[in-house]
N, C-alpha and C. Protein backbone atom coordinates (compact mmCIF):
# COMPACT_ATOMS: atom_id res chain seq x y z
N MET A 1 0.77 -1.16 0.16
CA MET A 1 -0.03 0.13 0.08
C MET A 1 1.04 1.35 -0.09
N ARG A 2 0.29 2.23 -0.48
CA ARG A 2 0.96 3.66 -0.41
C ARG A 2 0.46 4.36 0.66
N ILE A 3 1.17 4.69 1.74
CA ILE A 3 0.86 5.16 2.78
C ILE A 3 1.45 6.69 3.21
N LEU A 4 0.68 7.41 3.87
CA LEU A 4 1.21 8.88 4.11
C LEU A 4 0.91 8.95 5.64
N VAL A 5 2.00 9.24 6.38
CA VAL A 5 1.89 9.64 7.82
C VAL A 5 2.17 10.95 7.94
N ALA A 6 0.95 11.72 8.17
CA ALA A 6 1.11 13.20 8.34
C ALA A 6 1.43 13.74 9.56
N CYS A 7 2.12 14.93 9.60
CA CYS A 7 2.78 15.41 10.70
C CYS A 7 3.57 14.63 11.65
N GLU A 8 4.33 13.95 11.05
CA GLU A 8 5.43 13.02 11.63
C GLU A 8 6.80 13.50 11.25
N PHE A 9 7.64 13.84 12.39
CA PHE A 9 9.04 14.07 12.07
C PHE A 9 9.79 12.95 12.50
N SER A 10 9.30 12.16 13.55
CA SER A 10 10.19 10.87 14.11
C SER A 10 10.30 9.73 13.11
N GLY A 11 9.38 9.60 12.06
CA GLY A 11 9.44 8.40 11.16
C GLY A 11 9.08 7.21 11.93
N ILE A 12 8.64 7.13 12.96
CA ILE A 12 8.21 5.90 13.83
C ILE A 12 7.28 5.13 13.11
N VAL A 13 6.09 5.68 12.89
CA VAL A 13 5.04 5.00 12.21
C VAL A 13 5.36 4.65 10.68
N ARG A 14 5.92 5.65 10.09
CA ARG A 14 6.47 5.44 8.69
C ARG A 14 7.29 4.05 8.76
N ASP A 15 8.20 3.95 9.51
CA ASP A 15 9.29 2.96 9.44
C ASP A 15 8.53 1.66 9.64
N ALA A 16 7.58 1.67 10.59
CA ALA A 16 7.00 0.44 10.79
C ALA A 16 6.27 -0.17 9.73
N PHE A 17 5.80 0.71 8.93
CA PHE A 17 4.93 0.30 7.67
C PHE A 17 6.06 -0.13 6.56
N ILE A 18 7.07 0.62 6.55
CA ILE A 18 8.15 0.23 5.65
C ILE A 18 8.70 -1.16 5.94
N ARG A 19 8.96 -1.56 7.05
CA ARG A 19 9.59 -2.69 7.69
C ARG A 19 8.47 -3.96 7.35
N HIS A 20 7.21 -3.66 6.88
CA HIS A 20 6.27 -4.67 6.47
C HIS A 20 6.04 -4.47 5.06
N GLY A 21 6.81 -3.83 4.33
CA GLY A 21 6.96 -3.83 2.86
C GLY A 21 5.95 -2.81 2.29
N HIS A 22 5.61 -1.90 2.99
CA HIS A 22 4.78 -0.82 2.34
C HIS A 22 5.54 0.37 1.85
N ASP A 23 4.91 1.11 0.86
CA ASP A 23 5.63 2.24 0.46
C ASP A 23 5.03 3.52 1.12
N ALA A 24 5.74 3.76 2.29
CA ALA A 24 5.23 4.52 3.35
C ALA A 24 6.09 5.87 3.25
N TRP A 25 5.37 7.01 3.49
CA TRP A 25 5.92 8.21 3.64
C TRP A 25 5.51 9.20 4.61
N SER A 26 6.39 9.78 5.30
CA SER A 26 6.15 10.85 6.22
C SER A 26 6.19 12.26 5.52
N CYS A 27 5.25 13.26 6.24
CA CYS A 27 5.39 14.65 5.59
C CYS A 27 5.17 15.39 7.03
N ASP A 28 6.13 16.60 7.11
CA ASP A 28 5.95 17.25 8.45
C ASP A 28 6.68 18.82 7.87
N LEU A 29 6.41 19.74 8.78
CA LEU A 29 7.27 20.93 8.56
C LEU A 29 8.59 20.90 8.91
N MET A 30 8.95 19.87 9.58
CA MET A 30 10.14 19.57 9.98
C MET A 30 10.89 18.48 9.29
N PRO A 31 12.22 18.56 9.23
CA PRO A 31 12.95 17.36 8.58
C PRO A 31 12.62 16.16 9.53
N THR A 32 12.90 15.03 9.00
CA THR A 32 12.66 13.80 9.77
C THR A 32 13.78 13.59 10.54
N GLU A 33 13.96 12.79 11.65
CA GLU A 33 15.13 12.55 12.43
C GLU A 33 15.42 11.14 12.31
N SER A 34 14.63 10.44 11.27
CA SER A 34 14.93 9.10 11.15
C SER A 34 15.94 8.93 10.08
N THR A 35 16.59 7.79 10.01
CA THR A 35 17.83 7.52 9.03
C THR A 35 17.20 7.38 7.73
N ARG A 36 15.93 7.08 7.56
CA ARG A 36 15.25 6.89 6.19
C ARG A 36 14.87 8.25 5.63
N SER A 37 15.61 9.16 5.58
CA SER A 37 15.41 10.57 5.24
C SER A 37 14.65 10.77 3.77
N GLY A 38 15.09 9.51 2.94
CA GLY A 38 14.48 9.65 1.58
C GLY A 38 12.93 9.38 1.54
N ASN A 39 12.37 8.91 2.63
CA ASN A 39 11.09 8.70 2.71
C ASN A 39 10.37 9.83 3.44
N HIS A 40 10.78 10.84 3.33
CA HIS A 40 10.11 12.07 4.14
C HIS A 40 10.06 13.21 3.28
N HIS A 41 8.95 13.92 3.48
CA HIS A 41 8.97 15.39 2.71
C HIS A 41 8.76 16.37 3.68
N THR A 42 9.50 17.40 3.80
CA THR A 42 9.37 18.56 4.60
C THR A 42 8.48 19.61 4.05
N GLY A 43 7.16 19.60 4.22
CA GLY A 43 6.19 20.52 3.77
C GLY A 43 4.99 20.42 4.47
N ASP A 44 3.83 20.89 3.60
CA ASP A 44 2.49 20.93 3.98
C ASP A 44 1.88 19.55 3.86
N ALA A 45 1.47 19.09 5.19
CA ALA A 45 0.80 17.78 5.22
C ALA A 45 -0.50 17.64 4.53
N VAL A 46 -1.16 18.70 4.85
CA VAL A 46 -2.49 18.56 4.26
C VAL A 46 -2.56 18.65 2.62
N ARG A 47 -1.67 19.37 1.98
CA ARG A 47 -1.55 19.45 0.71
C ARG A 47 -1.03 18.06 0.25
N ALA A 48 -0.14 17.42 0.94
CA ALA A 48 0.24 16.12 0.55
C ALA A 48 -0.82 15.16 0.58
N ALA A 49 -1.75 15.22 1.61
CA ALA A 49 -2.75 14.33 1.80
C ALA A 49 -3.85 14.59 0.66
N TYR A 50 -4.10 15.59 0.29
CA TYR A 50 -5.08 15.88 -0.74
C TYR A 50 -4.52 15.49 -2.13
N SER A 51 -3.46 15.92 -2.45
CA SER A 51 -3.01 15.85 -4.00
C SER A 51 -2.24 14.35 -4.34
N GLY A 52 -1.77 13.85 -3.29
CA GLY A 52 -1.00 12.58 -3.62
C GLY A 52 0.41 12.85 -4.20
N TRP A 53 0.53 14.21 -4.23
CA TRP A 53 1.95 14.94 -4.70
C TRP A 53 2.36 15.83 -3.73
N VAL A 54 3.66 16.24 -3.81
CA VAL A 54 3.98 17.32 -3.04
C VAL A 54 4.48 18.34 -3.71
N TYR A 55 3.86 19.60 -3.97
CA TYR A 55 4.12 20.69 -4.78
C TYR A 55 4.33 20.23 -6.09
N GLY A 56 3.45 19.41 -6.67
CA GLY A 56 3.59 18.96 -8.01
C GLY A 56 4.59 17.91 -8.28
N TYR A 57 5.35 17.49 -7.19
CA TYR A 57 6.46 16.55 -7.52
C TYR A 57 6.01 15.19 -6.94
N ASP A 58 5.92 14.14 -7.72
CA ASP A 58 5.51 12.83 -7.31
C ASP A 58 6.55 12.21 -6.31
N ILE A 59 6.26 12.14 -5.23
CA ILE A 59 7.27 11.59 -4.18
C ILE A 59 7.45 10.08 -4.37
N HIS A 60 6.35 9.40 -5.18
CA HIS A 60 6.55 7.97 -5.41
C HIS A 60 7.60 7.60 -6.39
N THR A 61 7.61 8.24 -7.68
CA THR A 61 8.46 8.07 -8.66
C THR A 61 9.57 8.97 -8.74
N GLY A 62 9.51 9.95 -7.92
CA GLY A 62 10.49 11.16 -8.14
C GLY A 62 10.53 11.87 -9.37
N LYS A 63 9.41 12.11 -9.93
CA LYS A 63 9.19 12.77 -11.22
C LYS A 63 7.83 13.54 -11.15
N ASP A 64 7.99 14.62 -11.91
CA ASP A 64 6.91 15.58 -12.12
C ASP A 64 5.77 14.68 -12.87
N GLY A 65 4.50 15.03 -12.53
CA GLY A 65 3.35 14.27 -13.40
C GLY A 65 2.21 15.12 -13.35
N ASP A 66 1.27 14.56 -14.43
CA ASP A 66 -0.07 15.34 -14.30
C ASP A 66 -1.33 14.62 -14.10
N HIS A 67 -1.18 13.35 -13.40
CA HIS A 67 -2.11 12.62 -13.08
C HIS A 67 -2.25 12.33 -11.46
N TYR A 68 -3.34 11.93 -10.96
CA TYR A 68 -3.53 12.00 -9.65
C TYR A 68 -3.41 10.58 -9.07
N LYS A 69 -2.70 10.28 -8.02
CA LYS A 69 -2.66 8.87 -7.38
C LYS A 69 -2.57 9.15 -6.12
N LYS A 70 -3.91 8.73 -5.62
CA LYS A 70 -4.16 8.87 -4.10
C LYS A 70 -3.47 7.97 -3.19
N TRP A 71 -3.54 8.23 -1.83
CA TRP A 71 -2.81 7.31 -0.82
C TRP A 71 -3.84 6.41 -0.68
N ASP A 72 -3.34 5.08 -0.31
CA ASP A 72 -4.12 4.09 0.11
C ASP A 72 -4.64 4.10 1.60
N MET A 73 -3.69 4.74 2.46
CA MET A 73 -3.99 5.04 3.74
C MET A 73 -3.39 6.36 4.39
N LEU A 74 -4.10 7.06 5.19
CA LEU A 74 -3.48 8.22 5.73
C LEU A 74 -3.51 8.06 7.26
N ILE A 75 -2.33 8.24 8.01
CA ILE A 75 -2.24 8.19 9.43
C ILE A 75 -1.83 9.63 9.76
N ALA A 76 -2.58 10.23 10.55
CA ALA A 76 -2.14 11.60 10.90
C ALA A 76 -2.05 12.10 12.28
N HIS A 77 -1.19 13.04 12.71
CA HIS A 77 -0.90 13.23 14.10
C HIS A 77 -1.02 14.87 14.13
N PRO A 78 -2.03 15.38 13.95
CA PRO A 78 -2.40 16.87 13.88
C PRO A 78 -1.89 17.53 15.16
N PRO A 79 -1.41 18.71 15.25
CA PRO A 79 -0.94 19.40 16.30
C PRO A 79 -1.97 19.55 17.45
N CYS A 80 -1.80 19.20 18.62
CA CYS A 80 -2.62 19.38 19.69
C CYS A 80 -2.76 20.53 20.54
N THR A 81 -1.76 21.41 20.50
CA THR A 81 -1.49 22.46 21.36
C THR A 81 -2.79 23.22 21.57
N HIS A 82 -3.50 23.62 20.59
CA HIS A 82 -4.74 24.35 20.75
C HIS A 82 -6.06 23.59 20.73
N LEU A 83 -5.86 22.27 20.85
CA LEU A 83 -7.22 21.18 21.03
C LEU A 83 -7.35 20.53 22.29
N ALA A 84 -6.19 20.06 22.68
CA ALA A 84 -6.04 19.14 23.83
C ALA A 84 -6.89 19.98 25.24
N VAL A 85 -7.59 19.23 25.76
CA VAL A 85 -8.47 19.57 27.00
C VAL A 85 -7.38 20.05 28.17
N SER A 86 -6.19 19.43 28.31
CA SER A 86 -5.30 19.83 29.21
C SER A 86 -4.77 21.35 29.11
N GLY A 87 -5.04 21.97 27.97
CA GLY A 87 -4.83 23.40 27.88
C GLY A 87 -6.00 24.21 27.83
N ALA A 88 -7.10 23.71 28.39
CA ALA A 88 -8.32 24.39 28.36
C ALA A 88 -8.27 25.86 28.78
N ARG A 89 -7.51 26.09 29.81
CA ARG A 89 -7.43 27.29 30.68
C ARG A 89 -6.91 28.52 29.69
N TRP A 90 -6.45 28.11 28.56
CA TRP A 90 -5.87 29.10 27.52
C TRP A 90 -6.75 29.17 26.42
N PHE A 91 -7.90 28.50 26.15
CA PHE A 91 -8.78 28.62 25.03
C PHE A 91 -9.18 29.97 24.80
N LYS A 92 -9.68 30.65 25.78
CA LYS A 92 -10.44 31.82 25.52
C LYS A 92 -9.55 32.90 25.03
N ASP A 93 -8.33 32.74 25.32
CA ASP A 93 -7.19 33.77 24.69
C ASP A 93 -6.62 33.42 23.21
N LYS A 94 -7.05 32.23 22.64
CA LYS A 94 -6.33 31.71 21.60
C LYS A 94 -7.54 31.20 20.78
N GLN A 95 -8.47 31.93 20.46
CA GLN A 95 -9.72 31.39 19.70
C GLN A 95 -9.39 31.40 18.22
N THR A 96 -8.64 32.11 17.69
CA THR A 96 -8.18 32.17 16.26
C THR A 96 -7.26 30.91 16.15
N GLU A 97 -6.22 30.77 16.89
CA GLU A 97 -5.35 29.60 16.71
C GLU A 97 -6.14 28.35 16.86
N GLN A 98 -7.17 28.32 17.87
CA GLN A 98 -7.92 27.17 17.92
C GLN A 98 -8.72 26.71 16.95
N GLN A 99 -9.38 27.85 16.28
CA GLN A 99 -10.09 27.45 14.99
C GLN A 99 -9.31 27.03 13.86
N GLN A 100 -8.07 27.66 13.70
CA GLN A 100 -7.09 27.25 12.67
C GLN A 100 -6.66 25.65 12.95
N ALA A 101 -6.66 25.17 14.34
CA ALA A 101 -6.27 23.97 14.52
C ALA A 101 -7.41 22.97 14.23
N ILE A 102 -8.62 23.43 14.53
CA ILE A 102 -9.85 22.66 14.17
C ILE A 102 -9.87 22.42 12.67
N ASP A 103 -9.70 23.44 11.84
CA ASP A 103 -9.72 23.19 10.41
C ASP A 103 -8.64 22.45 9.86
N PHE A 104 -7.54 22.45 10.43
CA PHE A 104 -6.41 21.52 10.00
C PHE A 104 -6.75 20.08 10.34
N PHE A 105 -7.27 19.95 11.62
CA PHE A 105 -7.73 18.60 11.77
C PHE A 105 -8.83 17.92 11.01
N MET A 106 -10.00 19.02 10.74
CA MET A 106 -10.96 18.45 9.89
C MET A 106 -10.56 18.29 8.24
N ALA A 107 -9.56 19.09 7.93
CA ALA A 107 -9.00 18.83 6.51
C ALA A 107 -8.43 17.47 6.34
N LEU A 108 -7.66 17.13 7.46
CA LEU A 108 -7.15 15.63 7.30
C LEU A 108 -8.21 14.64 7.49
N VAL A 109 -9.20 14.89 8.37
CA VAL A 109 -10.43 13.83 8.26
C VAL A 109 -11.03 13.73 7.14
N ASN A 110 -11.15 14.91 6.18
CA ASN A 110 -11.89 14.72 5.05
C ASN A 110 -11.12 14.48 3.76
N ALA A 111 -9.64 14.00 4.03
CA ALA A 111 -8.82 13.79 2.81
C ALA A 111 -9.50 12.88 1.92
N PRO A 112 -9.21 12.73 0.77
CA PRO A 112 -9.82 11.76 -0.06
C PRO A 112 -8.96 10.46 -0.24
N THR A 113 -9.12 9.91 0.94
CA THR A 113 -8.34 8.50 1.18
C THR A 113 -9.28 7.57 1.79
N ASP A 114 -9.13 6.33 1.21
CA ASP A 114 -10.17 5.23 1.70
C ASP A 114 -9.94 4.89 3.26
N LYS A 115 -8.78 4.85 3.73
CA LYS A 115 -8.36 4.49 5.00
C LYS A 115 -7.63 5.61 5.91
N ILE A 116 -8.36 5.93 6.96
CA ILE A 116 -7.65 7.09 7.66
C ILE A 116 -7.78 6.98 9.16
N CYS A 117 -6.63 7.23 9.82
CA CYS A 117 -6.50 7.20 11.20
C CYS A 117 -6.19 8.61 11.71
N ILE A 118 -6.84 9.37 12.58
CA ILE A 118 -6.34 10.52 12.98
C ILE A 118 -5.99 10.37 14.61
N GLU A 119 -4.87 10.67 15.05
CA GLU A 119 -4.52 10.45 16.47
C GLU A 119 -4.39 11.78 17.21
N ASN A 120 -4.89 11.86 18.51
CA ASN A 120 -4.74 13.12 19.19
C ASN A 120 -5.10 12.74 20.74
N PRO A 121 -4.62 13.68 21.66
CA PRO A 121 -5.15 13.25 22.90
C PRO A 121 -6.49 13.66 23.20
N VAL A 122 -7.10 13.49 24.44
CA VAL A 122 -8.26 13.88 24.66
C VAL A 122 -8.48 15.43 24.42
N SER A 123 -9.42 15.75 23.47
CA SER A 123 -9.30 17.04 22.97
C SER A 123 -10.82 17.58 22.65
N ILE A 124 -10.97 18.86 22.44
CA ILE A 124 -12.18 19.44 21.97
C ILE A 124 -12.92 18.77 20.80
N MET A 125 -12.33 18.04 19.87
CA MET A 125 -12.60 17.36 18.90
C MET A 125 -13.61 16.30 19.00
N SER A 126 -13.71 15.92 20.37
CA SER A 126 -14.73 14.89 20.68
C SER A 126 -16.24 15.57 20.69
N THR A 127 -16.18 16.89 20.89
CA THR A 127 -17.62 17.58 20.69
C THR A 127 -17.61 18.41 19.43
N ARG A 128 -16.51 19.05 19.06
CA ARG A 128 -16.55 19.79 17.70
C ARG A 128 -16.68 18.94 16.41
N TYR A 129 -16.21 17.76 16.47
CA TYR A 129 -16.37 16.76 15.43
C TYR A 129 -17.25 15.52 15.84
N ARG A 130 -16.62 14.53 16.63
CA ARG A 130 -17.44 13.37 17.06
C ARG A 130 -16.55 12.75 18.08
N LYS A 131 -16.97 11.87 18.92
CA LYS A 131 -16.31 11.06 19.74
C LYS A 131 -15.30 10.07 19.03
N PRO A 132 -14.06 9.70 19.53
CA PRO A 132 -13.08 9.01 18.90
C PRO A 132 -13.69 7.50 18.89
N ASP A 133 -13.29 6.82 17.78
CA ASP A 133 -13.66 5.34 17.64
C ASP A 133 -12.89 4.50 18.88
N GLN A 134 -11.85 4.95 19.26
CA GLN A 134 -10.99 4.12 20.24
C GLN A 134 -10.17 4.98 21.02
N ILE A 135 -9.92 4.61 22.34
CA ILE A 135 -8.98 5.23 23.17
C ILE A 135 -8.17 4.08 23.72
N ILE A 136 -6.83 4.37 23.49
CA ILE A 136 -5.59 3.52 23.89
C ILE A 136 -4.85 4.13 24.77
N GLN A 137 -4.02 3.24 25.38
CA GLN A 137 -2.77 3.72 26.19
C GLN A 137 -1.63 2.85 25.80
N PRO A 138 -0.42 3.48 26.08
CA PRO A 138 0.72 2.73 25.81
C PRO A 138 0.99 1.43 26.34
N TRP A 139 0.51 1.18 27.69
CA TRP A 139 0.73 -0.10 28.28
C TRP A 139 -0.15 -1.16 27.73
N MET A 140 -0.91 -0.87 26.80
CA MET A 140 -1.68 -1.86 26.09
C MET A 140 -0.71 -2.49 25.02
N PHE A 141 0.34 -1.77 24.75
CA PHE A 141 1.13 -2.17 23.53
C PHE A 141 2.72 -2.33 23.90
N GLY A 142 2.88 -2.71 25.15
CA GLY A 142 4.33 -3.03 25.58
C GLY A 142 4.96 -1.87 26.26
N HIS A 143 4.45 -0.60 26.36
CA HIS A 143 5.16 0.50 27.13
C HIS A 143 4.46 0.71 28.49
N GLY A 144 5.02 0.58 29.52
CA GLY A 144 4.59 0.75 30.86
C GLY A 144 4.33 2.24 31.29
N GLU A 145 3.43 2.82 30.50
CA GLU A 145 3.35 4.27 30.60
C GLU A 145 1.69 4.57 30.41
N THR A 146 1.27 5.75 30.78
CA THR A 146 0.01 6.16 30.54
C THR A 146 0.20 7.45 29.74
N LYS A 147 -0.64 7.37 28.55
CA LYS A 147 -0.88 8.61 27.78
C LYS A 147 -2.04 8.26 26.96
N THR A 148 -3.16 8.96 27.40
CA THR A 148 -4.56 8.63 26.91
C THR A 148 -4.51 9.10 25.24
N THR A 149 -4.66 8.29 24.50
CA THR A 149 -4.74 8.57 22.90
C THR A 149 -5.82 8.19 22.17
N CYS A 150 -6.50 9.14 21.57
CA CYS A 150 -7.92 9.11 20.92
C CYS A 150 -7.53 8.65 19.40
N LEU A 151 -8.26 7.72 18.74
CA LEU A 151 -8.22 7.39 17.43
C LEU A 151 -9.48 7.58 16.70
N TRP A 152 -9.39 8.42 15.76
CA TRP A 152 -10.69 8.63 14.92
C TRP A 152 -10.46 7.70 13.71
N LEU A 153 -11.14 6.85 13.43
CA LEU A 153 -10.95 5.80 12.25
C LEU A 153 -12.05 5.89 11.19
N LYS A 154 -11.47 5.59 9.88
CA LYS A 154 -12.34 5.58 8.79
C LYS A 154 -11.97 4.21 8.04
N ASN A 155 -12.79 3.11 7.97
CA ASN A 155 -12.60 1.99 7.30
C ASN A 155 -11.16 1.25 7.90
N LEU A 156 -11.03 1.46 9.14
CA LEU A 156 -9.96 0.67 9.93
C LEU A 156 -10.58 0.17 11.06
N GLN A 157 -10.25 -1.13 11.50
CA GLN A 157 -10.65 -1.64 12.76
C GLN A 157 -10.10 -1.10 13.84
N PRO A 158 -10.53 -1.01 15.05
CA PRO A 158 -9.93 -0.50 16.35
C PRO A 158 -8.78 -1.46 16.55
N LEU A 159 -7.64 -1.06 17.18
CA LEU A 159 -6.51 -1.68 17.25
C LEU A 159 -6.56 -2.70 18.33
N LYS A 160 -6.16 -4.03 18.10
CA LYS A 160 -6.02 -4.98 19.34
C LYS A 160 -4.87 -4.77 20.05
N PRO A 161 -4.99 -4.80 21.42
CA PRO A 161 -3.89 -4.74 22.41
C PRO A 161 -2.84 -5.90 21.89
N THR A 162 -1.46 -5.56 22.15
CA THR A 162 -0.50 -6.62 21.56
C THR A 162 0.23 -7.01 22.80
N ALA A 163 0.42 -6.29 23.86
CA ALA A 163 1.36 -6.68 24.94
C ALA A 163 1.07 -5.66 26.25
N ILE A 164 -0.08 -6.25 27.03
CA ILE A 164 -0.63 -5.58 28.20
C ILE A 164 0.62 -5.74 29.18
N VAL A 165 1.16 -4.64 29.64
CA VAL A 165 2.21 -4.75 30.64
C VAL A 165 2.00 -3.98 31.85
N ASP A 166 2.61 -4.39 32.98
CA ASP A 166 2.59 -3.65 34.20
C ASP A 166 3.16 -2.27 34.08
N GLY A 167 2.71 -1.38 35.06
CA GLY A 167 3.48 0.01 34.94
C GLY A 167 2.58 0.96 34.40
N ARG A 168 2.38 2.19 35.22
CA ARG A 168 1.43 3.01 34.78
C ARG A 168 2.23 4.39 34.95
N ASP A 169 3.54 4.56 34.55
CA ASP A 169 4.28 5.78 34.71
C ASP A 169 3.61 6.89 33.93
N ASN A 170 3.66 8.02 34.47
CA ASN A 170 3.17 9.23 33.77
C ASN A 170 4.19 9.96 33.27
N ARG A 171 5.23 9.34 32.47
CA ARG A 171 6.50 10.10 32.15
C ARG A 171 6.34 11.30 31.26
N ILE A 172 5.36 11.34 30.40
CA ILE A 172 5.09 12.40 29.45
C ILE A 172 4.77 13.62 30.21
N HIS A 173 3.96 13.59 31.23
CA HIS A 173 3.67 14.87 32.03
C HIS A 173 4.72 15.24 33.12
N ARG A 174 5.93 14.17 33.05
CA ARG A 174 6.93 14.53 34.03
C ARG A 174 8.08 15.08 33.35
N GLU A 175 8.06 15.32 32.07
CA GLU A 175 9.09 15.79 31.25
C GLU A 175 9.52 17.01 31.62
N PRO A 176 10.81 17.34 31.87
CA PRO A 176 11.40 18.52 32.36
C PRO A 176 11.53 19.58 31.33
N PRO A 177 11.28 20.86 31.79
CA PRO A 177 11.30 21.97 30.70
C PRO A 177 12.73 21.82 29.91
N SER A 178 12.56 22.04 28.64
CA SER A 178 13.92 22.05 27.81
C SER A 178 13.34 22.35 26.50
N PRO A 179 14.41 22.84 25.52
CA PRO A 179 14.02 23.06 24.47
C PRO A 179 13.54 21.92 23.48
N GLU A 180 13.93 20.81 23.89
CA GLU A 180 13.33 19.47 23.25
C GLU A 180 12.01 18.77 23.96
N ARG A 181 11.56 19.44 24.95
CA ARG A 181 10.38 18.92 25.56
C ARG A 181 9.23 18.71 24.73
N TRP A 182 8.86 19.64 23.98
CA TRP A 182 7.70 19.28 22.92
C TRP A 182 7.90 18.12 22.03
N LYS A 183 9.10 18.01 21.57
CA LYS A 183 9.50 16.97 20.71
C LYS A 183 9.31 15.52 21.44
N ASN A 184 9.87 15.45 22.74
CA ASN A 184 10.00 14.36 23.44
C ASN A 184 8.55 13.78 23.86
N ARG A 185 7.66 14.89 24.03
CA ARG A 185 6.27 14.58 24.54
C ARG A 185 5.49 14.13 23.23
N SER A 186 5.67 14.43 22.03
CA SER A 186 5.04 14.24 20.69
C SER A 186 5.49 13.02 19.99
N ARG A 187 6.60 12.39 20.37
CA ARG A 187 6.98 11.16 19.82
C ARG A 187 5.89 10.08 19.95
N PHE A 188 5.78 9.26 18.77
CA PHE A 188 4.66 8.23 19.03
C PHE A 188 5.51 7.01 19.52
N TYR A 189 4.59 6.19 20.15
CA TYR A 189 5.09 4.97 20.79
C TYR A 189 5.35 3.81 19.76
N THR A 190 6.50 3.20 19.73
CA THR A 190 7.04 2.15 18.75
C THR A 190 6.00 0.92 18.71
N GLY A 191 5.67 0.59 20.11
CA GLY A 191 4.65 -0.53 20.12
C GLY A 191 3.28 -0.34 19.40
N ILE A 192 2.77 0.85 19.51
CA ILE A 192 1.61 1.25 18.73
C ILE A 192 1.75 1.37 17.32
N ALA A 193 2.99 1.85 16.92
CA ALA A 193 3.25 1.89 15.52
C ALA A 193 3.15 0.59 14.86
N GLN A 194 3.93 -0.38 15.63
CA GLN A 194 4.11 -1.85 15.30
C GLN A 194 2.64 -2.44 15.04
N ALA A 195 1.93 -2.13 15.97
CA ALA A 195 0.58 -2.70 15.89
C ALA A 195 -0.29 -2.14 14.82
N MET A 196 -0.23 -0.94 14.39
CA MET A 196 -0.79 -0.29 13.40
C MET A 196 -0.40 -0.99 12.04
N ALA A 197 1.09 -1.27 11.85
CA ALA A 197 1.49 -1.91 10.71
C ALA A 197 1.12 -3.26 10.56
N GLU A 198 1.00 -4.11 11.59
CA GLU A 198 0.73 -5.47 11.71
C GLU A 198 -0.79 -5.59 11.37
N GLN A 199 -1.72 -4.73 11.96
CA GLN A 199 -3.10 -5.13 11.73
C GLN A 199 -3.69 -4.29 10.68
N TRP A 200 -3.26 -3.06 10.31
CA TRP A 200 -3.73 -2.39 9.35
C TRP A 200 -3.00 -2.46 7.96
N GLY A 201 -1.88 -3.17 8.06
CA GLY A 201 -1.14 -3.29 6.88
C GLY A 201 -1.32 -4.35 6.02
N VAL A 202 -2.42 -5.13 6.23
CA VAL A 202 -2.67 -6.29 5.38
C VAL A 202 -3.33 -5.78 4.12
N ILE A 203 -2.77 -6.18 3.00
CA ILE A 203 -3.43 -5.87 1.75
C ILE A 203 -4.61 -6.68 1.33
N THR A 204 -5.69 -5.88 1.12
CA THR A 204 -6.77 -6.79 0.75
C THR A 204 -7.43 -6.26 -0.54
């Protein structure tokens, strides 16, 4: 399958699908920190999701083209800064930014792709859009930590836990202040990425 992982600089989900034989690409405003830099585009994730191209450049063949080739699957991690309920006390002062975040989220929801997963923490999208199809935790997939993660799914089955482990460490919320704090908090869990590739990566 041809898969786009939107808003991912780490390459964790993308690389999990590549290991399972898929043509997976990540797209983010930041360069990837993964060694598979050739499978990443630094640019507009929404534009990539809608066009199947990146600024008129076919990232599948490496050539310019004039025909449309959509993605088979979209997995997106839209920014949650202005959506997550953990930041509700600042909502009234950032209504413009919040509306832009909602519009971005919904643009990914409505992308012309048959299979879609939108990932976010508990957020206002449960009321502004709809409740998520599934809520998961890292400890269901081999990581002894808590981080409530909501999944909005289109033509994808809810993930089945792969390794329920002990430990309910709230590491993410204890991340000390630093320039890298937001990046450390936003990186996806490898166990969940592996489950996505194994359970959603079956070609039918």
